[in-house]
Amino acid sequence: MSDLSVKDLGVKDLATDATLTEEQTIKYALKYASVEDSETWSTVPEATGVSWDDFYNAVIALYPGVNSPRKYTVGDLERITELRAATPMADQDQLGAYEREFTRVSSFLLA
């Protein structure tokens, strides 16, 4: 299993709680994913299989770098600050959104 675990997605936990089979888990993962993701995930042969782990690993393989420990770069932080500098914040909600995004990326980089 990759660094991005099934638990991160919550799918396996929900399926277990609902006593779904692995085949049903795949079906509902495809059903409740975004249209774009569902279309992409449906292209892997494992999407018609009965093994959740095989399906999950095939889907994860579609996202190179998901296992990379480098989630964010300094360039990401620069992009965030440049975008906000170019677009003045009109209210506290926008300020809060900026602060959360900045904190998430800067904390990762500091760690």
N, C-alpha and C. Protein backbone atom coordinates (compact mmCIF):
# COMPACT_ATOMS: atom_id res chain seq x y z
N MET A 1 0.85 -1.18 0.00
CA MET A 1 0.00 0.00 0.00
C MET A 1 0.89 1.23 0.00
N SER A 2 0.41 2.30 -0.54
CA SER A 2 1.20 3.52 -0.68
C SER A 2 1.14 4.36 0.59
N ASP A 3 1.89 5.47 0.58
CA ASP A 3 1.83 6.41 1.70
C ASP A 3 0.44 7.03 1.82
N LEU A 4 -0.24 7.17 0.67
CA LEU A 4 -1.62 7.64 0.68
C LEU A 4 -2.47 6.42 0.99
N SER A 5 -2.90 6.30 2.21
CA SER A 5 -3.59 5.08 2.60
C SER A 5 -5.07 5.17 2.32
N VAL A 6 -5.70 4.02 2.30
CA VAL A 6 -7.14 3.95 2.13
C VAL A 6 -7.82 4.75 3.22
N LYS A 7 -7.24 4.76 4.40
CA LYS A 7 -7.81 5.51 5.51
C LYS A 7 -7.87 7.00 5.18
N ASP A 8 -6.85 7.50 4.46
CA ASP A 8 -6.86 8.90 4.06
C ASP A 8 -8.10 9.21 3.23
N LEU A 9 -8.49 8.28 2.41
CA LEU A 9 -9.65 8.47 1.56
C LEU A 9 -10.95 8.16 2.29
N GLY A 10 -10.90 7.35 3.32
CA GLY A 10 -12.08 7.01 4.09
C GLY A 10 -12.95 5.94 3.46
N VAL A 11 -12.66 5.57 2.22
CA VAL A 11 -13.51 4.64 1.49
C VAL A 11 -13.54 3.28 2.18
N LYS A 12 -12.39 2.75 2.48
CA LYS A 12 -12.33 1.40 3.07
C LYS A 12 -13.03 1.37 4.44
N ASP A 13 -12.82 2.40 5.24
CA ASP A 13 -13.47 2.45 6.55
C ASP A 13 -14.99 2.48 6.41
N LEU A 14 -15.47 3.33 5.52
CA LEU A 14 -16.92 3.41 5.31
C LEU A 14 -17.48 2.10 4.77
N ALA A 15 -16.75 1.48 3.85
CA ALA A 15 -17.21 0.22 3.27
C ALA A 15 -17.25 -0.88 4.32
N THR A 16 -16.26 -0.90 5.18
CA THR A 16 -16.22 -1.90 6.25
C THR A 16 -17.40 -1.70 7.20
N ASP A 17 -17.63 -0.43 7.57
CA ASP A 17 -18.75 -0.13 8.46
C ASP A 17 -20.09 -0.52 7.84
N ALA A 18 -20.18 -0.40 6.51
CA ALA A 18 -21.43 -0.73 5.81
C ALA A 18 -21.48 -2.20 5.40
N THR A 19 -20.49 -2.96 5.80
CA THR A 19 -20.36 -4.38 5.46
C THR A 19 -20.46 -4.64 3.96
N LEU A 20 -19.79 -3.81 3.18
CA LEU A 20 -19.76 -4.00 1.73
C LEU A 20 -18.68 -5.00 1.36
N THR A 21 -18.91 -5.72 0.28
CA THR A 21 -17.87 -6.59 -0.27
C THR A 21 -16.83 -5.70 -0.94
N GLU A 22 -15.69 -6.28 -1.27
CA GLU A 22 -14.66 -5.51 -1.96
C GLU A 22 -15.17 -5.05 -3.33
N GLU A 23 -15.91 -5.89 -4.00
CA GLU A 23 -16.48 -5.53 -5.31
C GLU A 23 -17.44 -4.34 -5.17
N GLN A 24 -18.27 -4.36 -4.14
CA GLN A 24 -19.18 -3.24 -3.89
C GLN A 24 -18.41 -1.98 -3.53
N THR A 25 -17.32 -2.14 -2.80
CA THR A 25 -16.50 -0.99 -2.42
C THR A 25 -15.95 -0.30 -3.66
N ILE A 26 -15.48 -1.07 -4.62
CA ILE A 26 -14.98 -0.51 -5.88
C ILE A 26 -16.11 0.22 -6.60
N LYS A 27 -17.26 -0.41 -6.67
CA LYS A 27 -18.42 0.18 -7.37
C LYS A 27 -18.78 1.53 -6.76
N TYR A 28 -18.83 1.61 -5.44
CA TYR A 28 -19.23 2.86 -4.80
C TYR A 28 -18.12 3.91 -4.83
N ALA A 29 -16.86 3.46 -4.82
CA ALA A 29 -15.76 4.42 -4.97
C ALA A 29 -15.87 5.12 -6.32
N LEU A 30 -16.21 4.36 -7.35
CA LEU A 30 -16.38 4.93 -8.68
C LEU A 30 -17.62 5.83 -8.75
N LYS A 31 -18.66 5.41 -8.06
CA LYS A 31 -19.91 6.16 -8.09
C LYS A 31 -19.80 7.52 -7.41
N TYR A 32 -19.09 7.59 -6.30
CA TYR A 32 -19.05 8.82 -5.52
C TYR A 32 -17.81 9.68 -5.77
N ALA A 33 -16.91 9.22 -6.64
CA ALA A 33 -15.77 10.05 -7.02
C ALA A 33 -16.28 11.13 -7.98
N SER A 34 -15.47 12.16 -8.18
CA SER A 34 -15.86 13.18 -9.16
C SER A 34 -16.00 12.50 -10.53
N VAL A 35 -16.72 13.13 -11.42
CA VAL A 35 -16.94 12.56 -12.76
C VAL A 35 -15.59 12.30 -13.43
N GLU A 36 -14.69 13.27 -13.36
CA GLU A 36 -13.39 13.12 -14.00
C GLU A 36 -12.61 11.96 -13.40
N ASP A 37 -12.57 11.88 -12.07
CA ASP A 37 -11.85 10.79 -11.43
C ASP A 37 -12.48 9.44 -11.75
N SER A 38 -13.79 9.38 -11.67
CA SER A 38 -14.48 8.13 -11.95
C SER A 38 -14.19 7.63 -13.37
N GLU A 39 -14.22 8.55 -14.33
CA GLU A 39 -13.92 8.17 -15.71
C GLU A 39 -12.49 7.63 -15.82
N THR A 40 -11.57 8.29 -15.15
CA THR A 40 -10.17 7.86 -15.20
C THR A 40 -9.99 6.52 -14.49
N TRP A 41 -10.53 6.40 -13.29
CA TRP A 41 -10.36 5.17 -12.52
C TRP A 41 -11.02 3.98 -13.21
N SER A 42 -12.07 4.22 -13.95
CA SER A 42 -12.77 3.14 -14.65
C SER A 42 -11.92 2.54 -15.77
N THR A 43 -10.86 3.23 -16.17
CA THR A 43 -10.02 2.71 -17.25
C THR A 43 -9.08 1.60 -16.81
N VAL A 44 -8.86 1.46 -15.51
CA VAL A 44 -7.95 0.40 -15.06
C VAL A 44 -8.71 -0.92 -15.04
N PRO A 45 -8.08 -1.99 -15.51
CA PRO A 45 -8.77 -3.29 -15.55
C PRO A 45 -9.30 -3.72 -14.18
N GLU A 46 -8.61 -3.32 -13.13
CA GLU A 46 -9.01 -3.71 -11.77
C GLU A 46 -10.34 -3.09 -11.35
N ALA A 47 -10.83 -2.12 -12.10
CA ALA A 47 -12.12 -1.48 -11.78
C ALA A 47 -13.27 -2.46 -11.93
N THR A 48 -13.07 -3.51 -12.71
CA THR A 48 -14.13 -4.52 -12.87
C THR A 48 -13.82 -5.76 -12.06
N GLY A 49 -12.82 -5.68 -11.21
CA GLY A 49 -12.41 -6.83 -10.41
C GLY A 49 -13.12 -6.90 -9.07
N VAL A 50 -12.61 -7.76 -8.24
CA VAL A 50 -13.22 -7.98 -6.93
C VAL A 50 -12.24 -7.73 -5.78
N SER A 51 -11.06 -7.20 -6.10
CA SER A 51 -10.07 -6.95 -5.05
C SER A 51 -9.90 -5.44 -4.87
N TRP A 52 -10.30 -4.95 -3.69
CA TRP A 52 -10.14 -3.54 -3.40
C TRP A 52 -8.67 -3.13 -3.43
N ASP A 53 -7.79 -3.94 -2.85
CA ASP A 53 -6.37 -3.59 -2.81
C ASP A 53 -5.79 -3.48 -4.22
N ASP A 54 -6.16 -4.40 -5.11
CA ASP A 54 -5.68 -4.34 -6.49
C ASP A 54 -6.20 -3.07 -7.18
N PHE A 55 -7.47 -2.77 -6.99
CA PHE A 55 -8.06 -1.56 -7.57
C PHE A 55 -7.37 -0.32 -7.01
N TYR A 56 -7.23 -0.26 -5.71
CA TYR A 56 -6.60 0.89 -5.06
C TYR A 56 -5.19 1.12 -5.58
N ASN A 57 -4.40 0.06 -5.65
CA ASN A 57 -3.02 0.18 -6.12
C ASN A 57 -2.97 0.61 -7.59
N ALA A 58 -3.90 0.13 -8.40
CA ALA A 58 -3.95 0.54 -9.81
C ALA A 58 -4.30 2.02 -9.93
N VAL A 59 -5.22 2.48 -9.10
CA VAL A 59 -5.60 3.89 -9.13
C VAL A 59 -4.45 4.76 -8.65
N ILE A 60 -3.80 4.38 -7.58
CA ILE A 60 -2.67 5.13 -7.06
C ILE A 60 -1.56 5.24 -8.10
N ALA A 61 -1.38 4.20 -8.91
CA ALA A 61 -0.35 4.22 -9.95
C ALA A 61 -0.64 5.29 -11.01
N LEU A 62 -1.89 5.75 -11.09
CA LEU A 62 -2.25 6.80 -12.05
C LEU A 62 -1.78 8.18 -11.58
N TYR A 63 -1.32 8.29 -10.35
CA TYR A 63 -0.91 9.56 -9.76
C TYR A 63 0.56 9.53 -9.37
N PRO A 64 1.45 9.69 -10.37
CA PRO A 64 2.88 9.67 -10.05
C PRO A 64 3.21 10.73 -8.99
N GLY A 65 4.04 10.37 -8.09
CA GLY A 65 4.45 11.31 -7.05
C GLY A 65 3.61 11.27 -5.80
N VAL A 66 2.51 10.51 -5.81
CA VAL A 66 1.67 10.46 -4.62
C VAL A 66 2.42 9.87 -3.44
N ASN A 67 3.39 9.03 -3.73
CA ASN A 67 4.18 8.43 -2.65
C ASN A 67 5.38 9.29 -2.27
N SER A 68 5.56 10.39 -2.98
CA SER A 68 6.70 11.25 -2.72
C SER A 68 6.54 11.97 -1.39
N PRO A 69 7.62 12.03 -0.62
CA PRO A 69 7.53 12.77 0.64
C PRO A 69 7.47 14.28 0.42
N ARG A 70 7.74 14.75 -0.80
CA ARG A 70 7.72 16.19 -1.11
C ARG A 70 6.35 16.57 -1.63
N LYS A 71 5.47 16.90 -0.73
CA LYS A 71 4.12 17.33 -1.09
C LYS A 71 4.11 18.74 -1.66
N TYR A 72 4.86 19.62 -1.04
CA TYR A 72 4.88 21.03 -1.42
C TYR A 72 6.31 21.50 -1.64
N THR A 73 6.44 22.54 -2.45
CA THR A 73 7.76 23.13 -2.71
C THR A 73 7.73 24.61 -2.33
N VAL A 74 8.90 25.21 -2.31
CA VAL A 74 8.97 26.65 -2.06
C VAL A 74 8.20 27.39 -3.15
N GLY A 75 8.24 26.86 -4.37
CA GLY A 75 7.49 27.45 -5.47
C GLY A 75 5.99 27.49 -5.18
N ASP A 76 5.48 26.46 -4.51
CA ASP A 76 4.05 26.45 -4.13
C ASP A 76 3.75 27.60 -3.18
N LEU A 77 4.64 27.82 -2.22
CA LEU A 77 4.43 28.89 -1.26
C LEU A 77 4.52 30.26 -1.95
N GLU A 78 5.46 30.38 -2.86
CA GLU A 78 5.56 31.63 -3.62
C GLU A 78 4.31 31.89 -4.45
N ARG A 79 3.78 30.84 -5.07
CA ARG A 79 2.57 30.97 -5.88
C ARG A 79 1.40 31.44 -5.03
N ILE A 80 1.27 30.88 -3.83
CA ILE A 80 0.19 31.26 -2.92
C ILE A 80 0.28 32.74 -2.56
N THR A 81 1.47 33.17 -2.19
CA THR A 81 1.62 34.57 -1.77
C THR A 81 1.48 35.53 -2.94
N GLU A 82 1.99 35.16 -4.11
CA GLU A 82 1.86 36.02 -5.30
C GLU A 82 0.40 36.16 -5.72
N LEU A 83 -0.32 35.06 -5.69
CA LEU A 83 -1.74 35.10 -6.07
C LEU A 83 -2.53 35.99 -5.12
N ARG A 84 -2.28 35.87 -3.84
CA ARG A 84 -3.00 36.68 -2.85
C ARG A 84 -2.59 38.15 -2.92
N ALA A 85 -1.33 38.40 -3.25
CA ALA A 85 -0.87 39.79 -3.37
C ALA A 85 -1.52 40.46 -4.58
N ALA A 86 -1.78 39.69 -5.62
CA ALA A 86 -2.39 40.24 -6.83
C ALA A 86 -3.90 40.40 -6.70
N THR A 87 -4.50 39.70 -5.74
CA THR A 87 -5.94 39.75 -5.53
C THR A 87 -6.21 40.16 -4.09
N PRO A 88 -6.48 41.43 -3.84
CA PRO A 88 -6.71 41.88 -2.47
C PRO A 88 -7.87 41.12 -1.81
N MET A 89 -7.72 40.87 -0.53
CA MET A 89 -8.75 40.16 0.22
C MET A 89 -9.81 41.15 0.67
N ALA A 90 -11.06 40.78 0.42
CA ALA A 90 -12.17 41.69 0.70
C ALA A 90 -12.81 41.46 2.06
N ASP A 91 -12.58 40.26 2.64
CA ASP A 91 -13.24 39.98 3.91
C ASP A 91 -12.43 38.95 4.71
N GLN A 92 -12.94 38.67 5.92
CA GLN A 92 -12.23 37.75 6.81
C GLN A 92 -12.24 36.32 6.29
N ASP A 93 -13.26 35.94 5.55
CA ASP A 93 -13.30 34.59 4.99
C ASP A 93 -12.13 34.37 4.03
N GLN A 94 -11.87 35.35 3.18
CA GLN A 94 -10.76 35.25 2.24
C GLN A 94 -9.42 35.25 2.98
N LEU A 95 -9.31 36.07 4.00
CA LEU A 95 -8.10 36.09 4.81
C LEU A 95 -7.89 34.73 5.49
N GLY A 96 -8.95 34.17 6.03
CA GLY A 96 -8.86 32.86 6.68
C GLY A 96 -8.45 31.77 5.71
N ALA A 97 -9.01 31.79 4.48
CA ALA A 97 -8.65 30.80 3.46
C ALA A 97 -7.17 30.91 3.12
N TYR A 98 -6.69 32.14 2.96
CA TYR A 98 -5.27 32.36 2.68
C TYR A 98 -4.41 31.85 3.83
N GLU A 99 -4.79 32.20 5.04
CA GLU A 99 -4.00 31.79 6.20
C GLU A 99 -3.93 30.27 6.32
N ARG A 100 -5.04 29.59 6.09
CA ARG A 100 -5.03 28.11 6.17
C ARG A 100 -4.13 27.51 5.10
N GLU A 101 -4.24 28.02 3.88
CA GLU A 101 -3.42 27.49 2.79
C GLU A 101 -1.94 27.77 3.05
N PHE A 102 -1.61 28.99 3.44
CA PHE A 102 -0.23 29.38 3.73
C PHE A 102 0.33 28.52 4.88
N THR A 103 -0.45 28.35 5.93
CA THR A 103 -0.01 27.58 7.10
C THR A 103 0.24 26.12 6.72
N ARG A 104 -0.66 25.53 5.92
CA ARG A 104 -0.52 24.14 5.52
C ARG A 104 0.79 23.93 4.76
N VAL A 105 1.06 24.78 3.78
CA VAL A 105 2.25 24.61 2.95
C VAL A 105 3.52 24.98 3.73
N SER A 106 3.50 26.12 4.43
CA SER A 106 4.71 26.55 5.16
C SER A 106 5.05 25.57 6.28
N SER A 107 4.07 25.05 6.97
CA SER A 107 4.34 24.07 8.04
C SER A 107 4.98 22.81 7.47
N PHE A 108 4.50 22.36 6.32
CA PHE A 108 5.10 21.19 5.68
C PHE A 108 6.55 21.47 5.33
N LEU A 109 6.80 22.64 4.75
CA LEU A 109 8.17 22.98 4.34
C LEU A 109 9.09 23.13 5.55
N LEU A 110 8.60 23.71 6.63
CA LEU A 110 9.41 23.87 7.84
C LEU A 110 9.76 22.51 8.46
N ALA A 111 8.82 21.59 8.41
CA ALA A 111 9.05 20.25 8.98
C ALA A 111 10.09 19.51 8.17
